[in-house]
Amino acid sequence: MPAGKQTDFQRAVQAREDETVVFSWIEWPDKATRDAGMAKMMDDPRMDPKLNPMPFDGMRMIFGGFQPVLDLG
């Protein structure tokens, strides 16, 4: 992804020259499914940072939740 003129992902996370910015998302069918999935993930021992440290700087991670504006289903 090319660097932007005003802002971009690289500057938003203060990425260094030797780093790669990754963009990903999870689409859940509804909030209840998301809550159940997140609870299972957080209870998984593989998510323990003492046993399995994150391969990136989580302090620079950007995340959010969104409400649908339009549902055509």
Protein backbone atom coordinates (compact mmCIF):
# COMPACT_ATOMS: atom_id res chain seq x y z
CA MET A 1 0.00 0.00 0.00
CA PRO A 2 1.57 3.29 -1.01
CA ALA A 3 2.22 6.00 1.55
CA GLY A 4 -0.51 8.63 1.68
CA LYS A 5 -0.11 12.37 1.33
CA GLN A 6 -2.05 13.30 4.47
CA THR A 7 -2.17 10.06 6.46
CA ASP A 8 -1.86 6.33 5.95
CA PHE A 9 -1.66 3.05 7.86
CA GLN A 10 2.13 3.24 8.17
CA ARG A 11 2.05 6.60 9.95
CA ALA A 12 -1.02 5.68 12.01
CA VAL A 13 0.95 2.86 13.70
CA GLN A 14 4.39 4.49 13.47
CA ALA A 15 5.73 1.64 11.32
CA ARG A 16 9.47 1.54 10.73
CA GLU A 17 11.04 0.90 7.33
CA ASP A 18 11.62 -2.77 8.17
CA GLU A 19 8.02 -3.39 9.32
CA THR A 20 4.95 -4.45 7.38
CA VAL A 21 1.48 -3.16 8.23
CA VAL A 22 -1.24 -5.85 8.19
CA PHE A 23 -4.93 -5.07 7.72
CA SER A 24 -7.48 -7.73 8.59
CA TRP A 25 -11.00 -8.10 9.92
CA ILE A 26 -13.49 -10.61 11.25
CA GLU A 27 -17.11 -10.45 10.19
CA TRP A 28 -19.48 -11.94 12.77
CA PRO A 29 -23.11 -12.74 11.94
CA ASP A 30 -24.33 -11.04 15.13
CA LYS A 31 -23.16 -9.67 18.49
CA ALA A 32 -24.08 -12.83 20.45
CA THR A 33 -21.91 -14.97 18.15
CA ARG A 34 -19.08 -12.45 18.43
CA ASP A 35 -19.29 -12.39 22.23
CA ALA A 36 -19.26 -16.20 22.43
CA GLY A 37 -16.36 -16.48 19.96
CA MET A 38 -14.30 -13.84 21.74
CA ALA A 39 -14.92 -15.51 25.13
CA LYS A 40 -13.71 -18.87 23.75
CA MET A 41 -10.65 -17.23 22.24
CA MET A 42 -9.72 -15.45 25.47
CA ASP A 43 -10.13 -18.70 27.43
CA ASP A 44 -7.81 -20.57 25.04
CA PRO A 45 -4.44 -21.16 26.78
CA ARG A 46 -2.66 -20.45 23.48
CA MET A 47 -3.71 -16.80 23.92
CA ASP A 48 -1.71 -16.47 27.18
CA PRO A 49 1.03 -13.91 26.40
CA LYS A 50 3.33 -15.57 28.96
CA LEU A 51 3.23 -18.83 27.03
CA ASN A 52 2.85 -17.43 23.52
CA PRO A 53 4.02 -13.80 23.16
CA MET A 54 2.42 -11.69 20.44
CA PRO A 55 4.53 -11.49 17.27
CA PHE A 56 3.86 -7.74 17.05
CA ASP A 57 3.62 -4.64 19.22
CA GLY A 58 0.02 -4.74 20.47
CA MET A 59 0.31 -1.16 21.76
CA ARG A 60 0.26 0.02 18.12
CA MET A 61 -2.73 -2.11 17.11
CA ILE A 62 -5.86 -0.28 15.98
CA PHE A 63 -9.18 -2.04 16.41
CA GLY A 64 -12.82 -1.14 16.56
CA GLY A 65 -16.36 -2.32 16.31
CA PHE A 66 -18.91 -1.10 13.86
CA GLN A 67 -22.65 -0.99 13.49
CA PRO A 68 -24.14 -1.80 10.06
CA VAL A 69 -25.46 1.23 8.23
CA LEU A 70 -27.51 -0.84 5.80
CA ASP A 71 -28.49 -4.52 5.92
CA LEU A 72 -29.75 -5.88 2.60
CA GLY A 73 -30.34 -9.36 4.04
